[in-house]
N, C-alpha and C. Protein backbone atom coordinates (compact mmCIF):
# COMPACT_ATOMS: atom_id res chain seq x y z
N UNK A 1 -61.51 -41.51 -21.95
CA UNK A 1 -62.15 -40.48 -21.15
C UNK A 1 -62.36 -39.20 -21.93
N UNK A 2 -61.43 -38.89 -22.84
CA UNK A 2 -61.54 -37.67 -23.61
C UNK A 2 -62.74 -37.73 -24.55
N UNK A 3 -63.16 -38.94 -24.93
CA UNK A 3 -64.30 -39.08 -25.83
C UNK A 3 -65.60 -38.65 -25.17
N UNK A 4 -65.67 -38.75 -23.86
CA UNK A 4 -66.89 -38.38 -23.14
C UNK A 4 -66.86 -36.94 -22.65
N UNK A 5 -65.88 -36.15 -23.11
CA UNK A 5 -65.84 -34.76 -22.70
C UNK A 5 -65.04 -34.52 -21.44
N UNK A 6 -64.44 -35.57 -20.90
CA UNK A 6 -63.63 -35.40 -19.70
C UNK A 6 -62.16 -35.26 -20.09
N UNK A 7 -61.44 -34.57 -19.28
CA UNK A 7 -60.02 -34.35 -19.57
C UNK A 7 -59.24 -35.62 -19.29
N UNK A 8 -58.36 -35.98 -20.23
CA UNK A 8 -57.56 -37.18 -20.04
C UNK A 8 -56.35 -36.90 -19.15
N UNK A 9 -55.90 -35.66 -19.12
CA UNK A 9 -54.76 -35.28 -18.29
C UNK A 9 -55.14 -34.08 -17.45
N UNK A 10 -54.54 -33.93 -16.29
CA UNK A 10 -54.93 -32.81 -15.43
C UNK A 10 -54.66 -31.46 -16.05
N UNK A 11 -53.60 -31.34 -16.87
CA UNK A 11 -53.28 -30.01 -17.41
C UNK A 11 -54.20 -29.64 -18.58
N UNK A 12 -54.99 -30.59 -19.09
CA UNK A 12 -55.95 -30.26 -20.15
C UNK A 12 -57.07 -29.36 -19.61
N UNK A 13 -57.31 -29.42 -18.32
CA UNK A 13 -58.36 -28.59 -17.73
C UNK A 13 -57.98 -27.12 -17.74
N UNK A 14 -56.68 -26.83 -17.74
CA UNK A 14 -56.22 -25.45 -17.63
C UNK A 14 -56.02 -24.79 -18.99
N UNK A 15 -56.12 -25.51 -20.08
CA UNK A 15 -55.85 -24.93 -21.39
C UNK A 15 -57.12 -24.28 -21.94
N UNK A 16 -57.43 -23.11 -21.42
CA UNK A 16 -58.64 -22.41 -21.84
C UNK A 16 -58.45 -21.77 -23.21
N UNK A 17 -57.17 -21.55 -23.62
CA UNK A 17 -56.92 -20.86 -24.89
C UNK A 17 -56.50 -21.83 -25.98
N UNK A 18 -56.74 -23.12 -25.79
CA UNK A 18 -56.36 -24.10 -26.80
C UNK A 18 -57.12 -23.81 -28.09
N UNK A 19 -56.39 -23.73 -29.20
CA UNK A 19 -57.03 -23.48 -30.49
C UNK A 19 -57.24 -22.01 -30.77
N UNK A 20 -56.92 -21.14 -29.85
CA UNK A 20 -57.09 -19.71 -30.07
C UNK A 20 -55.74 -19.09 -30.38
N UNK A 21 -55.75 -17.97 -31.05
CA UNK A 21 -54.52 -17.31 -31.48
C UNK A 21 -54.47 -15.90 -30.88
N UNK A 22 -53.37 -15.59 -30.23
CA UNK A 22 -53.20 -14.25 -29.70
C UNK A 22 -51.77 -13.80 -29.97
N UNK A 23 -51.53 -12.51 -29.87
CA UNK A 23 -50.19 -11.99 -30.09
C UNK A 23 -49.20 -12.58 -29.09
N UNK A 24 -49.65 -12.71 -27.88
CA UNK A 24 -48.78 -13.25 -26.83
C UNK A 24 -48.39 -14.69 -27.12
N UNK A 25 -49.36 -15.50 -27.55
CA UNK A 25 -49.07 -16.90 -27.87
C UNK A 25 -48.16 -17.00 -29.10
N UNK A 26 -48.41 -16.16 -30.10
CA UNK A 26 -47.56 -16.18 -31.29
C UNK A 26 -46.13 -15.77 -30.94
N UNK A 27 -46.00 -14.76 -30.10
CA UNK A 27 -44.68 -14.31 -29.68
C UNK A 27 -43.95 -15.42 -28.92
N UNK A 28 -44.67 -16.10 -28.04
CA UNK A 28 -44.07 -17.21 -27.29
C UNK A 28 -43.69 -18.36 -28.23
N UNK A 29 -44.53 -18.64 -29.21
CA UNK A 29 -44.23 -19.71 -30.16
C UNK A 29 -42.99 -19.37 -30.98
N UNK A 30 -42.89 -18.11 -31.44
CA UNK A 30 -41.70 -17.70 -32.18
C UNK A 30 -40.44 -17.79 -31.32
N UNK A 31 -40.57 -17.36 -30.08
CA UNK A 31 -39.43 -17.44 -29.15
C UNK A 31 -39.01 -18.89 -28.94
N UNK A 32 -39.98 -19.77 -28.77
CA UNK A 32 -39.66 -21.19 -28.59
C UNK A 32 -39.00 -21.78 -29.84
N UNK A 33 -39.50 -21.40 -31.01
CA UNK A 33 -38.89 -21.88 -32.25
C UNK A 33 -37.46 -21.36 -32.39
N UNK A 34 -37.26 -20.08 -32.06
CA UNK A 34 -35.92 -19.50 -32.15
C UNK A 34 -34.96 -20.23 -31.21
N UNK A 35 -35.42 -20.52 -30.00
CA UNK A 35 -34.59 -21.24 -29.03
C UNK A 35 -34.28 -22.65 -29.52
N UNK A 36 -35.28 -23.32 -30.08
CA UNK A 36 -35.08 -24.69 -30.58
C UNK A 36 -34.11 -24.70 -31.76
N UNK A 37 -34.25 -23.73 -32.67
CA UNK A 37 -33.33 -23.67 -33.81
C UNK A 37 -31.91 -23.39 -33.34
N UNK A 38 -31.79 -22.51 -32.37
CA UNK A 38 -30.46 -22.20 -31.83
C UNK A 38 -29.83 -23.43 -31.18
N UNK A 39 -30.63 -24.17 -30.42
CA UNK A 39 -30.11 -25.38 -29.78
C UNK A 39 -29.72 -26.41 -30.83
N UNK A 40 -30.51 -26.52 -31.89
CA UNK A 40 -30.20 -27.48 -32.97
C UNK A 40 -28.90 -27.08 -33.67
N UNK A 41 -28.73 -25.77 -33.91
CA UNK A 41 -27.51 -25.28 -34.55
C UNK A 41 -26.30 -25.56 -33.68
N UNK A 42 -26.41 -25.30 -32.38
CA UNK A 42 -25.31 -25.56 -31.46
C UNK A 42 -24.95 -27.04 -31.43
N UNK A 43 -25.96 -27.89 -31.43
CA UNK A 43 -25.72 -29.33 -31.43
C UNK A 43 -24.99 -29.76 -32.69
N UNK A 44 -25.38 -29.20 -33.84
CA UNK A 44 -24.73 -29.53 -35.11
C UNK A 44 -23.27 -29.08 -35.10
N UNK A 45 -23.03 -27.86 -34.61
CA UNK A 45 -21.66 -27.34 -34.57
C UNK A 45 -20.80 -28.17 -33.62
N UNK A 46 -21.36 -28.53 -32.47
CA UNK A 46 -20.61 -29.38 -31.53
C UNK A 46 -20.25 -30.72 -32.17
N UNK A 47 -21.18 -31.29 -32.90
CA UNK A 47 -20.91 -32.55 -33.58
C UNK A 47 -19.81 -32.40 -34.62
N UNK A 48 -19.83 -31.30 -35.38
CA UNK A 48 -18.78 -31.06 -36.37
C UNK A 48 -17.43 -30.89 -35.70
N UNK A 49 -17.41 -30.19 -34.57
CA UNK A 49 -16.15 -29.99 -33.85
C UNK A 49 -15.62 -31.33 -33.32
N UNK A 50 -16.51 -32.15 -32.79
CA UNK A 50 -16.07 -33.47 -32.30
C UNK A 50 -15.54 -34.33 -33.44
N UNK A 51 -16.17 -34.26 -34.60
CA UNK A 51 -15.68 -35.01 -35.76
C UNK A 51 -14.30 -34.52 -36.20
N UNK A 52 -14.13 -33.20 -36.22
CA UNK A 52 -12.85 -32.63 -36.63
C UNK A 52 -11.75 -33.00 -35.65
N UNK A 53 -12.04 -32.95 -34.34
CA UNK A 53 -11.02 -33.31 -33.36
C UNK A 53 -10.66 -34.79 -33.46
N UNK A 54 -11.66 -35.63 -33.77
CA UNK A 54 -11.37 -37.05 -33.93
C UNK A 54 -10.46 -37.29 -35.14
N UNK A 55 -10.67 -36.51 -36.21
CA UNK A 55 -9.82 -36.64 -37.38
C UNK A 55 -8.41 -36.11 -37.13
N UNK A 56 -8.30 -35.05 -36.33
CA UNK A 56 -7.00 -34.43 -36.10
C UNK A 56 -6.18 -35.11 -35.00
N UNK A 57 -6.82 -35.87 -34.15
CA UNK A 57 -6.13 -36.47 -33.00
C UNK A 57 -4.88 -37.28 -33.39
N UNK A 58 -4.95 -38.20 -34.38
CA UNK A 58 -3.75 -38.96 -34.74
C UNK A 58 -2.60 -38.09 -35.24
N UNK A 59 -2.93 -37.09 -36.06
CA UNK A 59 -1.86 -36.23 -36.56
C UNK A 59 -1.25 -35.38 -35.46
N UNK A 60 -2.07 -34.96 -34.51
CA UNK A 60 -1.54 -34.19 -33.38
C UNK A 60 -0.64 -35.06 -32.51
N UNK A 61 -1.00 -36.32 -32.31
CA UNK A 61 -0.15 -37.22 -31.54
C UNK A 61 1.17 -37.47 -32.26
N UNK A 62 1.11 -37.65 -33.58
CA UNK A 62 2.34 -37.86 -34.34
C UNK A 62 3.23 -36.61 -34.26
N UNK A 63 2.63 -35.45 -34.35
CA UNK A 63 3.40 -34.21 -34.23
C UNK A 63 4.02 -34.08 -32.85
N UNK A 64 3.26 -34.44 -31.81
CA UNK A 64 3.79 -34.38 -30.45
C UNK A 64 4.99 -35.32 -30.29
N UNK A 65 4.89 -36.53 -30.84
CA UNK A 65 6.00 -37.48 -30.75
C UNK A 65 7.22 -36.96 -31.51
N UNK A 66 6.98 -36.36 -32.67
CA UNK A 66 8.08 -35.80 -33.45
C UNK A 66 8.77 -34.68 -32.68
N UNK A 67 7.99 -33.81 -32.05
CA UNK A 67 8.57 -32.71 -31.27
C UNK A 67 9.32 -33.23 -30.04
N UNK A 68 8.80 -34.28 -29.41
CA UNK A 68 9.50 -34.86 -28.26
C UNK A 68 10.84 -35.45 -28.69
N UNK A 69 10.87 -36.09 -29.86
CA UNK A 69 12.13 -36.62 -30.38
C UNK A 69 13.12 -35.51 -30.67
N UNK A 70 12.62 -34.43 -31.30
CA UNK A 70 13.50 -33.29 -31.58
C UNK A 70 14.03 -32.68 -30.28
N UNK A 71 13.17 -32.59 -29.27
CA UNK A 71 13.59 -32.04 -27.98
C UNK A 71 14.68 -32.92 -27.37
N UNK A 72 14.51 -34.23 -27.41
CA UNK A 72 15.51 -35.14 -26.84
C UNK A 72 16.84 -35.00 -27.58
N UNK A 73 16.78 -34.91 -28.92
CA UNK A 73 18.02 -34.74 -29.68
C UNK A 73 18.69 -33.40 -29.36
N UNK A 74 17.89 -32.35 -29.23
CA UNK A 74 18.45 -31.03 -28.90
C UNK A 74 19.10 -31.05 -27.52
N UNK A 75 18.43 -31.69 -26.56
CA UNK A 75 19.00 -31.76 -25.21
C UNK A 75 20.31 -32.55 -25.21
N UNK A 76 20.37 -33.64 -25.99
CA UNK A 76 21.61 -34.42 -26.03
C UNK A 76 22.72 -33.62 -26.70
N UNK A 77 22.41 -32.85 -27.74
CA UNK A 77 23.42 -32.01 -28.38
C UNK A 77 23.93 -30.94 -27.42
N UNK A 78 23.00 -30.34 -26.66
CA UNK A 78 23.40 -29.32 -25.68
C UNK A 78 24.27 -29.96 -24.61
N UNK A 79 23.90 -31.14 -24.16
CA UNK A 79 24.69 -31.82 -23.13
C UNK A 79 26.09 -32.13 -23.65
N UNK A 80 26.20 -32.47 -24.93
CA UNK A 80 27.51 -32.76 -25.51
C UNK A 80 28.34 -31.49 -25.65
N UNK A 81 27.68 -30.36 -25.95
CA UNK A 81 28.39 -29.10 -26.14
C UNK A 81 28.62 -28.32 -24.85
N UNK A 82 28.01 -28.73 -23.78
CA UNK A 82 28.05 -27.97 -22.54
C UNK A 82 29.47 -27.73 -22.02
N UNK A 83 30.36 -28.71 -22.01
CA UNK A 83 31.72 -28.41 -21.53
C UNK A 83 32.41 -27.33 -22.37
N UNK A 84 32.22 -27.34 -23.68
CA UNK A 84 32.82 -26.32 -24.54
C UNK A 84 32.20 -24.95 -24.25
N UNK A 85 30.87 -24.93 -24.04
CA UNK A 85 30.21 -23.66 -23.74
C UNK A 85 30.68 -23.09 -22.41
N UNK A 86 30.82 -23.94 -21.40
CA UNK A 86 31.27 -23.47 -20.09
C UNK A 86 32.72 -23.02 -20.12
N UNK A 87 33.53 -23.59 -21.03
CA UNK A 87 34.94 -23.21 -21.12
C UNK A 87 35.10 -21.84 -21.76
N UNK A 88 34.18 -21.46 -22.62
CA UNK A 88 34.27 -20.15 -23.29
C UNK A 88 33.98 -19.06 -22.26
N UNK A 89 34.78 -17.95 -22.27
CA UNK A 89 34.57 -16.91 -21.25
C UNK A 89 33.23 -16.19 -21.38
N UNK A 90 32.77 -15.93 -22.58
CA UNK A 90 31.50 -15.21 -22.77
C UNK A 90 30.32 -16.16 -22.60
N UNK A 91 30.37 -17.28 -23.28
CA UNK A 91 29.26 -18.23 -23.24
C UNK A 91 29.13 -18.90 -21.88
N UNK A 92 30.25 -19.04 -21.16
CA UNK A 92 30.19 -19.63 -19.82
C UNK A 92 29.33 -18.80 -18.88
N UNK A 93 29.44 -17.47 -18.99
CA UNK A 93 28.58 -16.59 -18.19
C UNK A 93 27.12 -16.75 -18.52
N UNK A 94 26.83 -16.95 -19.81
CA UNK A 94 25.43 -17.16 -20.23
C UNK A 94 24.89 -18.48 -19.69
N UNK A 95 25.75 -19.51 -19.70
CA UNK A 95 25.33 -20.81 -19.17
C UNK A 95 25.02 -20.69 -17.69
N UNK A 96 25.85 -19.93 -16.97
CA UNK A 96 25.60 -19.74 -15.53
C UNK A 96 24.28 -19.02 -15.30
N UNK A 97 23.95 -18.07 -16.18
CA UNK A 97 22.67 -17.36 -16.05
C UNK A 97 21.48 -18.27 -16.34
N UNK A 98 21.67 -19.26 -17.21
CA UNK A 98 20.57 -20.15 -17.60
C UNK A 98 20.35 -21.29 -16.61
N UNK A 99 21.31 -21.57 -15.75
CA UNK A 99 21.18 -22.72 -14.84
C UNK A 99 19.94 -22.63 -13.95
N UNK A 100 19.61 -21.48 -13.36
CA UNK A 100 18.36 -21.43 -12.55
C UNK A 100 17.11 -21.71 -13.38
N UNK A 101 17.08 -21.23 -14.63
CA UNK A 101 15.91 -21.48 -15.49
C UNK A 101 15.80 -22.96 -15.81
N UNK A 102 16.92 -23.61 -16.08
CA UNK A 102 16.90 -25.03 -16.41
C UNK A 102 16.50 -25.85 -15.19
N UNK A 103 16.93 -25.43 -14.01
CA UNK A 103 16.56 -26.15 -12.79
C UNK A 103 15.06 -26.01 -12.54
N UNK A 104 14.50 -24.83 -12.86
CA UNK A 104 13.06 -24.63 -12.67
C UNK A 104 12.26 -25.48 -13.65
N UNK A 105 12.81 -25.72 -14.84
CA UNK A 105 12.13 -26.56 -15.83
C UNK A 105 12.26 -28.04 -15.50
N UNK A 106 13.16 -28.36 -14.60
CA UNK A 106 13.37 -29.77 -14.25
C UNK A 106 14.33 -30.46 -15.18
N UNK A 107 15.16 -29.69 -15.89
CA UNK A 107 16.09 -30.29 -16.83
C UNK A 107 17.54 -30.03 -16.43
N UNK A 108 17.75 -29.40 -15.29
CA UNK A 108 19.10 -29.03 -14.88
C UNK A 108 20.06 -30.20 -14.77
N UNK A 109 19.75 -31.24 -14.00
CA UNK A 109 20.69 -32.35 -13.84
C UNK A 109 20.99 -33.09 -15.12
N UNK A 110 20.00 -33.20 -16.02
CA UNK A 110 20.24 -33.90 -17.28
C UNK A 110 21.24 -33.15 -18.15
N UNK A 111 21.05 -31.83 -18.26
CA UNK A 111 21.88 -31.04 -19.15
C UNK A 111 23.27 -30.86 -18.56
N UNK A 112 23.34 -30.67 -17.26
CA UNK A 112 24.61 -30.37 -16.62
C UNK A 112 25.43 -31.62 -16.31
N UNK A 113 24.84 -32.76 -16.46
CA UNK A 113 25.57 -33.99 -16.23
C UNK A 113 25.83 -34.26 -14.76
N UNK A 114 25.08 -33.67 -13.88
CA UNK A 114 25.36 -33.88 -12.45
C UNK A 114 24.19 -33.98 -11.62
């Protein structure tokens, strides 16, 4: 249809400035290019971040497991030392002050043995 001078698409009828150059069109084209470049840059950065997180995920999991093991060992040492701490006159008062905090953390019964 376009070969016979008729518009192939409905919006071709409205493009009266096709092929013409104006400041407004140039400004719009530059703005569109700037937006497209910005979107492309953001997409590239997001991809790099996703790649980095994929590389770091195993090491972060290993670190988390190591810290959980250390926490379990520390809690067992504290549980073993708790009777001695409670027997001491100064440290026993500190243990009494810490009991509400430990109960709020959900570790009170484990540490206190009760």
